[in-house]
Each structure stands twice: as C-alpha cells, then as structure tokens.
Amino acid sequence: MYVLVVSDINECREFRHLCVNGRCENLIGVFRCECNTGYQVDETGGNCTDVDECLNPDNCLYGTCINRPGGYECRCPPNFELNPAGTGCIGPYATRIFLTLITLGGLVV
C-alpha cells in the first residue's frame, strides 16, 4: 500500500516578483493574478501589464488620448472641455446645437 502525500507550494510567497501591479492569490497547485484597475494579466499569467485605453476608439473622443500607467488622460483642443464622464471633449456650441435640434423637432423642453 502506498500513501501519496501532496503539499501545495505557495508560489506567491516563494516567488516575490509575481503579479506586479496586482495581487497574487495562491490556489491548490497554481496561483492567480488579480490585477489592479487599468491592468490585465499578460500572456504568461504571472504578471499584470498596463491596458492601453487609447486603443479603444470610444475613449477621448475629439481629443488626444495619452496612455498612463493604470489609466489614461484625455487632452482637449482649445475651446473644448472634457465631458462630465471624462471620456471625450465637447465644444462650446454643443449645448446650443442640441437645444436647436429639439426646437426644430417640435419638442418643448
């Protein structure tokens, strides 16, 4: 009769450079990276790398998108300002154009 003894190696404790920009979670036989906001697990599964939010065309509409570690910055051109959500730029006439369209449509605000 044989007795098989299995012990788990805590990779999170043994290997200090796992899950940089995230948190290492030890599981039986493996580990998992829980990445910080703005980061994703890389191809190796052992590290968290920055997500380039500027690759998403919906981020920073009508402005210049600058990727930052864990996020991005949206810079608006002169006479434009950042929208309340921080995802794009709006011009000074955006409100007036919207109200004109509503009036032309026969709606009363």
C-alpha atoms as a PDB file:
ATOM      1  CA  MET A   1       0.000   0.000   0.000  1.00  0.00           C
ATOM      2  CA  TYR A   2       1.256   3.425  -0.969  1.00  0.00           C
ATOM      3  CA  VAL A   3       0.362   6.737   0.596  1.00  0.00           C
ATOM      4  CA  LEU A   4       0.609   9.778  -1.620  1.00  0.00           C
ATOM      5  CA  VAL A   5       1.327  12.981   0.233  1.00  0.00           C
ATOM      6  CA  VAL A   6       0.695  16.168  -1.697  1.00  0.00           C
ATOM      7  CA  SER A   7       1.719  19.541  -0.417  1.00  0.00           C
ATOM      8  CA  ASP A   8       0.978  22.835  -2.054  1.00  0.00           C
ATOM      9  CA  ILE A   9       3.765  25.266  -2.864  1.00  0.00           C
ATOM     10  CA  ASN A  10       2.714  28.814  -2.202  1.00  0.00           C
ATOM     11  CA  GLU A  11       4.048  30.449  -5.353  1.00  0.00           C
ATOM     12  CA  CYS A  12       3.008  33.876  -4.069  1.00  0.00           C
ATOM     13  CA  ARG A  13       5.405  33.561  -1.136  1.00  0.00           C
ATOM     14  CA  GLU A  14       8.165  31.669  -2.954  1.00  0.00           C
ATOM     15  CA  PHE A  15       8.400  33.943  -5.996  1.00  0.00           C
ATOM     16  CA  ARG A  16       8.366  37.613  -4.996  1.00  0.00           C
ATOM     17  CA  HIS A  17       8.001  39.096  -8.485  1.00  0.00           C
ATOM     18  CA  LEU A  18       4.676  37.540  -9.445  1.00  0.00           C
ATOM     19  CA  CYS A  19       1.684  39.721 -10.226  1.00  0.00           C
ATOM     20  CA  VAL A  20       3.458  43.069 -10.328  1.00  0.00           C
ATOM     21  CA  ASN A  21       0.701  45.755 -10.429  1.00  0.00           C
ATOM     22  CA  GLY A  22      -1.710  43.303  -8.882  1.00  0.00           C
ATOM     23  CA  ARG A  23      -2.244  40.795  -6.104  1.00  0.00           C
ATOM     24  CA  CYS A  24      -1.129  37.169  -6.130  1.00  0.00           C
ATOM     25  CA  GLU A  25      -3.672  34.605  -4.963  1.00  0.00           C
ATOM     26  CA  ASN A  26      -2.412  31.131  -4.052  1.00  0.00           C
ATOM     27  CA  LEU A  27      -4.613  28.227  -5.131  1.00  0.00           C
ATOM     28  CA  ILE A  28      -4.010  24.491  -4.765  1.00  0.00           C
ATOM     29  CA  GLY A  29      -1.305  23.664  -7.303  1.00  0.00           C
ATOM     30  CA  VAL A  30      -1.389  27.056  -9.041  1.00  0.00           C
ATOM     31  CA  PHE A  31      -1.628  30.780  -8.460  1.00  0.00           C
ATOM     32  CA  ARG A  32      -3.727  33.520  -9.999  1.00  0.00           C
ATOM     33  CA  CYS A  33      -3.084  37.232 -10.512  1.00  0.00           C
ATOM     34  CA  GLU A  34      -5.804  39.706  -9.581  1.00  0.00           C
ATOM     35  CA  CYS A  35      -4.733  42.843 -11.435  1.00  0.00           C
ATOM     36  CA  ASN A  36      -5.185  46.431 -10.298  1.00  0.00           C
ATOM     37  CA  THR A  37      -7.597  48.680 -12.203  1.00  0.00           C
ATOM     38  CA  GLY A  38      -6.176  49.542 -15.616  1.00  0.00           C
ATOM     39  CA  TYR A  39      -4.026  46.400 -15.795  1.00  0.00           C
ATOM     40  CA  GLN A  40      -4.573  42.932 -17.247  1.00  0.00           C
ATOM     41  CA  VAL A  41      -2.879  39.564 -16.875  1.00  0.00           C
ATOM     42  CA  ASP A  42      -0.181  39.092 -19.514  1.00  0.00           C
ATOM     43  CA  GLU A  43       0.369  36.038 -21.719  1.00  0.00           C
ATOM     44  CA  THR A  44       2.470  34.276 -19.061  1.00  0.00           C
ATOM     45  CA  GLY A  45      -0.280  34.595 -16.466  1.00  0.00           C
ATOM     46  CA  GLY A  46       2.308  35.721 -13.922  1.00  0.00           C
ATOM     47  CA  ASN A  47       2.274  39.479 -14.304  1.00  0.00           C
ATOM     48  CA  CYS A  48      -0.119  42.392 -14.749  1.00  0.00           C
ATOM     49  CA  THR A  49       0.579  44.771 -17.623  1.00  0.00           C
ATOM     50  CA  ASP A  50      -0.898  48.159 -18.401  1.00  0.00           C
ATOM     51  CA  VAL A  51      -4.002  48.273 -20.585  1.00  0.00           C
ATOM     52  CA  ASP A  52      -3.622  50.845 -23.365  1.00  0.00           C
ATOM     53  CA  GLU A  53      -7.032  52.513 -23.113  1.00  0.00           C
ATOM     54  CA  CYS A  54      -6.107  54.739 -26.069  1.00  0.00           C
ATOM     55  CA  LEU A  55      -6.546  51.759 -28.397  1.00  0.00           C
ATOM     56  CA  ASN A  56     -10.300  51.952 -27.683  1.00  0.00           C
ATOM     57  CA  PRO A  57     -11.749  54.480 -30.173  1.00  0.00           C
ATOM     58  CA  ASP A  58     -14.511  55.383 -27.696  1.00  0.00           C
ATOM     59  CA  ASN A  59     -12.001  56.825 -25.212  1.00  0.00           C
ATOM     60  CA  CYS A  60     -11.178  60.514 -25.578  1.00  0.00           C
ATOM     61  CA  LEU A  61     -13.483  61.377 -28.479  1.00  0.00           C
ATOM     62  CA  TYR A  62     -12.378  64.575 -30.278  1.00  0.00           C
ATOM     63  CA  GLY A  63      -9.302  64.874 -28.076  1.00  0.00           C
ATOM     64  CA  THR A  64      -5.791  63.490 -27.702  1.00  0.00           C
ATOM     65  CA  CYS A  65      -5.569  60.299 -25.664  1.00  0.00           C
ATOM     66  CA  ILE A  66      -2.430  59.802 -23.575  1.00  0.00           C
ATOM     67  CA  ASN A  67      -1.923  56.372 -22.043  1.00  0.00           C
ATOM     68  CA  ARG A  68      -0.839  56.456 -18.401  1.00  0.00           C
ATOM     69  CA  PRO A  69       0.056  53.572 -16.067  1.00  0.00           C
ATOM     70  CA  GLY A  70      -3.312  52.181 -14.948  1.00  0.00           C
ATOM     71  CA  GLY A  71      -5.389  54.680 -16.894  1.00  0.00           C
ATOM     72  CA  TYR A  72      -5.355  57.413 -19.491  1.00  0.00           C
ATOM     73  CA  GLU A  73      -5.560  61.179 -19.817  1.00  0.00           C
ATOM     74  CA  CYS A  74      -7.769  62.948 -22.321  1.00  0.00           C
ATOM     75  CA  ARG A  75      -6.492  66.337 -23.500  1.00  0.00           C
ATOM     76  CA  CYS A  76      -8.949  68.544 -25.296  1.00  0.00           C
ATOM     77  CA  PRO A  77      -8.136  71.054 -28.054  1.00  0.00           C
ATOM     78  CA  PRO A  78      -8.532  74.816 -27.444  1.00  0.00           C
ATOM     79  CA  ASN A  79     -12.148  75.907 -26.796  1.00  0.00           C
ATOM     80  CA  PHE A  80     -13.190  72.332 -25.936  1.00  0.00           C
ATOM     81  CA  GLU A  81     -13.653  70.881 -22.482  1.00  0.00           C
ATOM     82  CA  LEU A  82     -13.705  67.408 -21.031  1.00  0.00           C
ATOM     83  CA  ASN A  83     -17.180  65.901 -20.826  1.00  0.00           C
ATOM     84  CA  PRO A  84     -18.504  65.029 -17.335  1.00  0.00           C
ATOM     85  CA  ALA A  85     -17.603  61.338 -17.777  1.00  0.00           C
ATOM     86  CA  GLY A  86     -14.029  62.273 -18.732  1.00  0.00           C
ATOM     87  CA  THR A  87     -14.214  60.168 -21.902  1.00  0.00           C
ATOM     88  CA  GLY A  88     -14.209  62.849 -24.581  1.00  0.00           C
ATOM     89  CA  CYS A  89     -14.194  66.522 -25.452  1.00  0.00           C
ATOM     90  CA  ILE A  90     -17.158  68.770 -26.133  1.00  0.00           C
ATOM     91  CA  GLY A  91     -17.121  72.104 -27.885  1.00  0.00           C
ATOM     92  CA  PRO A  92     -18.625  75.358 -26.691  1.00  0.00           C
ATOM     93  CA  TYR A  93     -21.628  75.028 -29.036  1.00  0.00           C
ATOM     94  CA  ALA A  94     -22.670  71.500 -28.111  1.00  0.00           C
ATOM     95  CA  THR A  95     -25.497  72.635 -25.810  1.00  0.00           C
ATOM     96  CA  ARG A  96     -26.830  75.266 -28.221  1.00  0.00           C
ATOM     97  CA  ILE A  97     -26.875  72.797 -31.146  1.00  0.00           C
ATOM     98  CA  PHE A  98     -28.703  70.221 -29.042  1.00  0.00           C
ATOM     99  CA  LEU A  99     -31.359  72.748 -27.996  1.00  0.00           C
ATOM    100  CA  THR A 100     -31.792  73.910 -31.605  1.00  0.00           C
ATOM    101  CA  LEU A 101     -32.378  70.333 -32.755  1.00  0.00           C
ATOM    102  CA  ILE A 102     -35.004  69.837 -30.077  1.00  0.00           C
ATOM    103  CA  THR A 103     -36.765  73.070 -31.100  1.00  0.00           C
ATOM    104  CA  LEU A 104     -36.689  72.103 -34.796  1.00  0.00           C
ATOM    105  CA  GLY A 105     -38.174  68.734 -33.904  1.00  0.00           C
ATOM    106  CA  GLY A 106     -41.162  70.457 -32.357  1.00  0.00           C
ATOM    107  CA  LEU A 107     -40.408  69.335 -28.819  1.00  0.00           C
ATOM    108  CA  VAL A 108     -40.733  71.717 -25.948  1.00  0.00           C
ATOM    109  CA  VAL A 109     -38.195  71.447 -23.150  1.00  0.00           C
END
